[in-house]
């Protein structure tokens, strides 16, 4: 029960390489997740599943090359996504979902790539 009340988690500069499905299980109250400056190169599909209250996700300064349509699955409350400093080469169809794409894509694109 204790971790379900956690609202902010910072795991910056921890040399993480992979985010495996289930790693954030039980963190249902999480609003901010910062994973910047690691060595993350693989994010398993639906790794952020059940983080229904997540508003800020920082994945900047990693080695992320691929984001699939299920990477951000269920992040309906996401307001800020930081991807600066990655090596993005492939963005799958519908990576950000219909709602996310309409409301945030252009802001995201210009803010983090230019």
Protein backbone atom coordinates (compact mmCIF):
# COMPACT_ATOMS: atom_id res chain seq x y z
CA UNK A 1 0.00 0.00 0.00
CA UNK A 2 2.82 2.44 0.80
CA UNK A 3 4.17 2.69 -2.75
CA UNK A 4 0.71 3.16 -4.21
CA UNK A 5 0.70 6.61 -2.56
CA UNK A 6 4.01 7.64 -4.17
CA UNK A 7 3.50 10.63 -6.50
CA UNK A 8 7.03 11.36 -7.72
CA UNK A 9 9.87 8.98 -8.56
CA UNK A 10 13.31 10.07 -9.76
CA UNK A 11 15.66 7.39 -11.08
CA UNK A 12 18.03 9.69 -12.96
CA UNK A 13 21.67 8.68 -13.57
CA UNK A 14 21.28 5.06 -12.46
CA UNK A 15 22.71 3.28 -15.53
CA UNK A 16 19.37 1.62 -16.32
CA UNK A 17 19.43 -0.18 -19.67
CA UNK A 18 15.99 -1.75 -20.03
CA UNK A 19 12.52 -0.92 -18.76
CA UNK A 20 10.72 -4.24 -18.39
CA UNK A 21 6.96 -4.66 -18.28
CA UNK A 22 5.75 -4.73 -14.68
CA UNK A 23 8.60 -2.69 -13.23
CA UNK A 24 6.20 0.08 -12.17
CA UNK A 25 3.43 -2.24 -10.97
CA UNK A 26 1.62 -0.90 -7.93
CA UNK A 27 2.69 2.72 -8.39
CA UNK A 28 -0.85 3.77 -9.21
CA UNK A 29 -0.59 7.26 -7.67
CA UNK A 30 2.53 8.24 -9.61
CA UNK A 31 2.26 11.66 -11.27
CA UNK A 32 5.91 12.35 -12.16
CA UNK A 33 8.47 9.80 -13.36
CA UNK A 34 11.98 10.90 -14.22
CA UNK A 35 14.35 8.43 -15.88
CA UNK A 36 16.77 10.86 -17.52
CA UNK A 37 20.49 10.34 -18.04
CA UNK A 38 20.49 6.56 -17.90
CA UNK A 39 21.47 4.19 -20.71
CA UNK A 40 17.94 3.07 -21.54
CA UNK A 41 17.86 1.56 -25.00
CA UNK A 42 14.86 -0.78 -24.68
CA UNK A 43 11.41 0.06 -23.39
CA UNK A 44 9.12 -2.95 -23.43
CA UNK A 45 5.58 -2.41 -24.70
CA UNK A 46 3.05 -1.37 -22.08
CA UNK A 47 5.75 -0.78 -19.45
CA UNK A 48 3.80 2.24 -18.20
CA UNK A 49 0.53 0.28 -17.99
CA UNK A 50 -1.66 1.26 -15.02
CA UNK A 51 0.15 4.55 -14.43
CA UNK A 52 -3.18 6.23 -15.06
CA UNK A 53 -2.31 9.42 -13.17
CA UNK A 54 1.12 9.99 -14.73
CA UNK A 55 1.38 13.59 -15.96
CA UNK A 56 5.13 14.07 -16.49
CA UNK A 57 7.50 11.52 -18.01
CA UNK A 58 11.16 12.37 -18.52
CA UNK A 59 13.11 9.94 -20.71
CA UNK A 60 15.67 12.48 -21.89
CA UNK A 61 19.38 11.76 -22.37
CA UNK A 62 19.10 8.00 -22.94
CA UNK A 63 19.75 5.73 -25.92
CA UNK A 64 16.15 5.20 -27.00
CA UNK A 65 15.87 4.52 -30.72
CA UNK A 66 12.44 2.89 -31.06
CA UNK A 67 9.04 3.83 -29.69
CA UNK A 68 6.15 1.55 -30.63
CA UNK A 69 2.42 2.12 -30.62
CA UNK A 70 2.23 0.47 -27.18
CA UNK A 71 5.08 2.33 -25.49
CA UNK A 72 2.82 4.98 -23.98
CA UNK A 73 -0.28 2.80 -23.79
CA UNK A 74 -2.77 3.97 -21.14
CA UNK A 75 -1.05 7.29 -20.33
CA UNK A 76 -4.22 9.31 -20.81
CA UNK A 77 -3.21 11.98 -18.26
CA UNK A 78 0.27 12.57 -19.71
CA UNK A 79 0.92 16.30 -20.16
CA UNK A 80 4.70 16.50 -20.54
CA UNK A 81 6.98 14.05 -22.31
CA UNK A 82 10.70 14.73 -22.51
CA UNK A 83 12.71 12.78 -25.11
CA UNK A 84 15.58 15.17 -25.79
CA UNK A 85 19.01 13.60 -26.25
CA UNK A 86 17.91 10.20 -27.54
CA UNK A 87 18.63 8.55 -30.88
CA UNK A 88 15.03 8.16 -32.05
CA UNK A 89 14.93 6.49 -35.44
CA UNK A 90 11.59 4.67 -35.47
CA UNK A 91 8.23 5.91 -34.24
CA UNK A 92 5.57 3.25 -34.71
CA UNK A 93 2.10 3.91 -36.09
CA UNK A 94 -0.09 5.62 -33.50
CA UNK A 95 2.80 5.83 -31.03
CA UNK A 96 1.13 8.57 -29.06
CA UNK A 97 -2.48 7.43 -29.42
CA UNK A 98 -5.27 9.40 -31.02
CA UNK A 99 -5.91 11.86 -28.20
CA UNK A 100 -2.26 12.46 -27.37
CA UNK A 101 -1.36 13.02 -31.01
CA UNK A 102 -4.05 15.61 -31.61
CA UNK A 103 -3.35 17.67 -28.53
CA UNK A 104 0.38 17.47 -28.09
CA UNK A 105 2.30 16.27 -31.10
CA UNK A 106 3.19 19.60 -32.66
CA UNK A 107 4.15 21.11 -29.32
CA UNK A 108 6.20 17.98 -28.56
CA UNK A 109 7.90 17.98 -31.96
CA UNK A 110 9.03 21.59 -31.97
CA UNK A 111 9.90 21.73 -28.30
CA UNK A 112 12.08 18.65 -28.16
CA UNK A 113 13.61 18.37 -31.60
CA UNK A 114 14.41 21.98 -32.51
